[in-house]
N, C-alpha and C. Protein backbone atom coordinates (compact mmCIF):
# COMPACT_ATOMS: atom_id res chain seq x y z
N UNK A 1 78.59 88.03 79.47
CA UNK A 1 78.44 87.97 80.90
C UNK A 1 79.82 88.11 81.55
N UNK A 2 79.88 88.88 82.63
CA UNK A 2 81.14 89.05 83.34
C UNK A 2 80.93 88.74 84.81
N UNK A 3 81.97 88.38 85.48
CA UNK A 3 81.92 88.07 86.90
C UNK A 3 83.27 88.42 87.50
N UNK A 4 83.32 88.43 88.80
CA UNK A 4 84.55 88.85 89.48
C UNK A 4 85.39 87.64 89.86
N UNK A 5 86.66 87.71 89.54
CA UNK A 5 87.63 86.74 90.01
C UNK A 5 88.76 87.53 90.61
N UNK A 6 89.62 86.93 91.31
CA UNK A 6 90.74 87.52 92.01
C UNK A 6 91.00 89.00 91.67
N UNK A 7 90.05 89.85 92.04
CA UNK A 7 90.14 91.31 91.97
C UNK A 7 89.99 91.89 90.56
N UNK A 8 89.69 91.10 89.57
CA UNK A 8 89.45 91.63 88.23
C UNK A 8 88.19 90.98 87.67
N UNK A 9 87.59 91.67 86.71
CA UNK A 9 86.43 91.09 86.04
C UNK A 9 86.91 90.46 84.75
N UNK A 10 86.52 89.21 84.56
CA UNK A 10 86.91 88.49 83.35
C UNK A 10 85.68 87.89 82.70
N UNK A 11 85.63 87.99 81.39
CA UNK A 11 84.55 87.36 80.65
C UNK A 11 84.93 85.90 80.37
N UNK A 12 83.97 85.15 79.89
CA UNK A 12 84.25 83.77 79.53
C UNK A 12 85.29 83.72 78.41
N UNK A 13 85.25 84.71 77.52
CA UNK A 13 86.24 84.78 76.44
C UNK A 13 87.64 85.03 77.01
N UNK A 14 87.73 85.89 78.03
CA UNK A 14 89.03 86.14 78.68
C UNK A 14 89.56 84.86 79.31
N UNK A 15 88.67 84.12 79.96
CA UNK A 15 89.08 82.86 80.56
C UNK A 15 89.54 81.87 79.49
N UNK A 16 88.83 81.83 78.38
CA UNK A 16 89.25 80.94 77.28
C UNK A 16 90.65 81.30 76.80
N UNK A 17 90.92 82.60 76.68
CA UNK A 17 92.25 83.04 76.24
C UNK A 17 93.31 82.63 77.26
N UNK A 18 93.02 82.79 78.55
CA UNK A 18 93.98 82.38 79.59
C UNK A 18 94.23 80.88 79.53
N UNK A 19 93.18 80.12 79.38
CA UNK A 19 93.32 78.66 79.32
C UNK A 19 94.12 78.27 78.08
N UNK A 20 93.83 78.88 76.95
CA UNK A 20 94.56 78.58 75.71
C UNK A 20 96.04 78.91 75.87
N UNK A 21 96.33 80.02 76.53
CA UNK A 21 97.73 80.39 76.76
C UNK A 21 98.43 79.34 77.62
N UNK A 22 97.76 78.90 78.68
CA UNK A 22 98.35 77.87 79.55
C UNK A 22 98.51 76.55 78.82
N UNK A 23 97.57 76.21 77.95
CA UNK A 23 97.70 74.97 77.17
C UNK A 23 98.95 75.03 76.30
N UNK A 24 99.23 76.19 75.73
CA UNK A 24 100.42 76.34 74.91
C UNK A 24 101.68 76.28 75.77
N UNK A 25 101.72 77.06 76.83
CA UNK A 25 102.91 77.16 77.67
C UNK A 25 103.23 75.84 78.37
N UNK A 26 102.23 75.20 78.93
CA UNK A 26 102.49 73.96 79.67
C UNK A 26 102.97 72.84 78.76
N UNK A 27 102.70 72.97 77.48
CA UNK A 27 103.23 72.00 76.53
C UNK A 27 104.71 72.21 76.23
N UNK A 28 105.25 73.35 76.67
CA UNK A 28 106.63 73.70 76.36
C UNK A 28 107.56 73.74 77.56
N UNK A 29 107.01 73.77 78.78
CA UNK A 29 107.86 73.97 79.95
C UNK A 29 108.45 72.66 80.46
N UNK A 30 109.45 72.82 81.31
CA UNK A 30 110.05 71.67 82.00
C UNK A 30 110.35 72.09 83.43
N UNK A 31 110.79 71.16 84.22
CA UNK A 31 111.09 71.46 85.63
C UNK A 31 112.34 72.31 85.77
N UNK A 32 113.12 72.46 84.71
CA UNK A 32 114.34 73.25 84.78
C UNK A 32 114.16 74.67 84.26
N UNK A 33 112.95 75.05 83.91
CA UNK A 33 112.70 76.39 83.39
C UNK A 33 112.92 77.45 84.46
N UNK A 34 113.13 78.66 84.00
CA UNK A 34 113.38 79.79 84.89
C UNK A 34 112.18 80.08 85.78
N UNK A 35 110.99 79.94 85.25
CA UNK A 35 109.77 80.19 86.03
C UNK A 35 109.42 78.89 86.76
N UNK A 36 109.30 78.95 88.10
CA UNK A 36 109.03 77.71 88.84
C UNK A 36 107.62 77.17 88.56
N UNK A 37 107.48 75.87 88.72
CA UNK A 37 106.18 75.23 88.49
C UNK A 37 105.12 75.76 89.44
N UNK A 38 105.53 76.24 90.61
CA UNK A 38 104.57 76.80 91.58
C UNK A 38 103.83 78.00 90.98
N UNK A 39 104.50 78.76 90.13
CA UNK A 39 103.86 79.90 89.46
C UNK A 39 102.69 79.41 88.61
N UNK A 40 102.92 78.35 87.85
CA UNK A 40 101.88 77.82 86.97
C UNK A 40 100.76 77.18 87.80
N UNK A 41 101.11 76.56 88.93
CA UNK A 41 100.08 76.03 89.83
C UNK A 41 99.17 77.16 90.31
N UNK A 42 99.77 78.30 90.66
CA UNK A 42 98.99 79.45 91.12
C UNK A 42 98.03 79.95 90.06
N UNK A 43 98.51 80.04 88.83
CA UNK A 43 97.64 80.48 87.74
C UNK A 43 96.48 79.50 87.53
N UNK A 44 96.79 78.21 87.59
CA UNK A 44 95.73 77.22 87.43
C UNK A 44 94.75 77.26 88.60
N UNK A 45 95.24 77.49 89.79
CA UNK A 45 94.37 77.55 90.97
C UNK A 45 93.41 78.73 90.86
N UNK A 46 93.91 79.87 90.41
CA UNK A 46 93.02 81.03 90.23
C UNK A 46 91.95 80.74 89.19
N UNK A 47 92.33 80.07 88.11
CA UNK A 47 91.33 79.71 87.11
C UNK A 47 90.32 78.72 87.68
N UNK A 48 90.82 77.73 88.42
CA UNK A 48 89.93 76.71 88.99
C UNK A 48 88.93 77.32 89.96
N UNK A 49 89.30 78.42 90.60
CA UNK A 49 88.41 79.09 91.55
C UNK A 49 87.44 80.05 90.87
N UNK A 50 87.52 80.17 89.57
CA UNK A 50 86.63 81.05 88.80
C UNK A 50 85.37 80.30 88.43
N UNK A 51 84.39 81.06 87.98
CA UNK A 51 83.16 80.44 87.50
C UNK A 51 83.39 80.02 86.06
N UNK A 52 83.67 78.76 85.87
CA UNK A 52 83.99 78.23 84.55
C UNK A 52 82.82 77.47 83.97
N UNK A 53 82.77 77.48 82.65
CA UNK A 53 81.82 76.64 81.95
C UNK A 53 82.35 75.21 82.06
N UNK A 54 81.50 74.19 81.92
CA UNK A 54 81.97 72.80 82.04
C UNK A 54 83.15 72.47 81.13
N UNK A 55 83.13 72.93 79.89
CA UNK A 55 84.24 72.64 78.98
C UNK A 55 85.53 73.32 79.46
N UNK A 56 85.41 74.52 80.01
CA UNK A 56 86.57 75.23 80.54
C UNK A 56 87.14 74.49 81.75
N UNK A 57 86.25 74.03 82.62
CA UNK A 57 86.68 73.30 83.82
C UNK A 57 87.43 72.03 83.42
N UNK A 58 86.93 71.34 82.39
CA UNK A 58 87.60 70.13 81.91
C UNK A 58 89.00 70.46 81.40
N UNK A 59 89.13 71.56 80.67
CA UNK A 59 90.45 71.96 80.16
C UNK A 59 91.41 72.30 81.31
N UNK A 60 90.91 73.00 82.32
CA UNK A 60 91.75 73.36 83.47
C UNK A 60 92.17 72.10 84.23
N UNK A 61 91.25 71.16 84.41
CA UNK A 61 91.59 69.90 85.08
C UNK A 61 92.66 69.13 84.30
N UNK A 62 92.57 69.14 82.98
CA UNK A 62 93.56 68.48 82.14
C UNK A 62 94.93 69.15 82.32
N UNK A 63 94.94 70.47 82.39
CA UNK A 63 96.19 71.20 82.60
C UNK A 63 96.79 70.90 83.97
N UNK A 64 95.94 70.81 84.99
CA UNK A 64 96.43 70.47 86.33
C UNK A 64 97.07 69.09 86.33
N UNK A 65 96.45 68.15 85.64
CA UNK A 65 97.00 66.80 85.53
C UNK A 65 98.33 66.82 84.80
N UNK A 66 98.42 67.61 83.75
CA UNK A 66 99.65 67.72 82.96
C UNK A 66 100.78 68.30 83.83
N UNK A 67 100.46 69.29 84.64
CA UNK A 67 101.46 69.90 85.51
C UNK A 67 101.91 68.94 86.60
N UNK A 68 100.97 68.19 87.16
CA UNK A 68 101.33 67.17 88.18
C UNK A 68 102.25 66.12 87.57
N UNK A 69 101.98 65.72 86.34
CA UNK A 69 102.81 64.72 85.67
C UNK A 69 104.23 65.25 85.46
N UNK A 70 104.36 66.53 85.21
CA UNK A 70 105.69 67.13 85.06
C UNK A 70 106.48 67.03 86.35
N UNK A 71 105.79 67.16 87.47
CA UNK A 71 106.45 67.15 88.78
C UNK A 71 106.79 65.75 89.26
N UNK A 72 106.11 64.73 88.79
CA UNK A 72 106.30 63.37 89.31
C UNK A 72 107.74 62.88 89.24
N UNK A 73 108.46 63.05 88.14
CA UNK A 73 109.86 62.59 88.14
C UNK A 73 110.69 63.28 89.23
N UNK A 74 110.47 64.58 89.46
CA UNK A 74 111.18 65.29 90.52
C UNK A 74 110.81 64.75 91.89
N UNK A 75 109.52 64.48 92.10
CA UNK A 75 109.07 63.94 93.39
C UNK A 75 109.71 62.60 93.67
N UNK A 76 109.81 61.75 92.64
CA UNK A 76 110.40 60.43 92.82
C UNK A 76 111.89 60.56 93.13
N UNK A 77 112.57 61.49 92.47
CA UNK A 77 114.01 61.66 92.71
C UNK A 77 114.25 62.17 94.14
N UNK A 78 113.43 63.11 94.61
CA UNK A 78 113.58 63.64 95.97
C UNK A 78 113.32 62.56 97.00
N UNK A 79 112.41 61.65 96.70
CA UNK A 79 112.06 60.59 97.65
C UNK A 79 113.05 59.43 97.59
N UNK A 80 113.97 59.50 96.65
CA UNK A 80 114.94 58.42 96.51
C UNK A 80 114.39 57.20 95.84
N UNK A 81 113.26 57.35 95.14
CA UNK A 81 112.65 56.23 94.44
C UNK A 81 113.42 55.97 93.16
N UNK A 82 113.90 54.75 92.97
CA UNK A 82 114.63 54.48 91.72
C UNK A 82 113.69 54.54 90.53
N UNK A 83 114.21 55.03 89.43
CA UNK A 83 113.41 55.10 88.21
C UNK A 83 113.20 53.70 87.66
N UNK A 84 114.27 52.87 87.71
CA UNK A 84 114.17 51.47 87.29
C UNK A 84 114.52 50.59 88.48
N UNK A 85 113.91 49.44 88.59
CA UNK A 85 114.30 48.55 89.69
C UNK A 85 115.75 48.09 89.51
N UNK A 86 116.45 47.99 90.61
CA UNK A 86 117.84 47.55 90.55
C UNK A 86 117.88 46.07 90.19
N UNK A 87 118.86 45.70 89.39
CA UNK A 87 119.01 44.29 89.02
C UNK A 87 120.23 43.73 89.75
N UNK A 88 120.16 42.46 90.05
CA UNK A 88 121.27 41.81 90.77
C UNK A 88 122.45 41.67 89.82
N UNK A 89 123.60 42.02 90.32
CA UNK A 89 124.82 41.88 89.51
C UNK A 89 125.28 40.43 89.53
N UNK A 90 125.65 39.92 88.36
CA UNK A 90 126.14 38.54 88.34
C UNK A 90 127.64 38.56 88.20
N UNK A 91 128.29 37.61 88.84
CA UNK A 91 129.77 37.51 88.80
C UNK A 91 130.17 36.35 87.97
């Protein structure tokens, strides 16, 4: 079975391959990589907007969570949130 997504026709097998590729890549990337995290968000968003089987949707949701977790340390640093609570200095 095939259906239309963002201007191309992809089969469920094609979607599985895309998801598998993202599972591999997102396990290797960091916030300092050459390709910005926004690129990976876009790829995940296009997949999320596709007609996915329930198992595929679960995998995409897991990847989205993994990508959000990657961004959290950067978000905290930009907000000025300390990573550890400050301790009182003793004299």
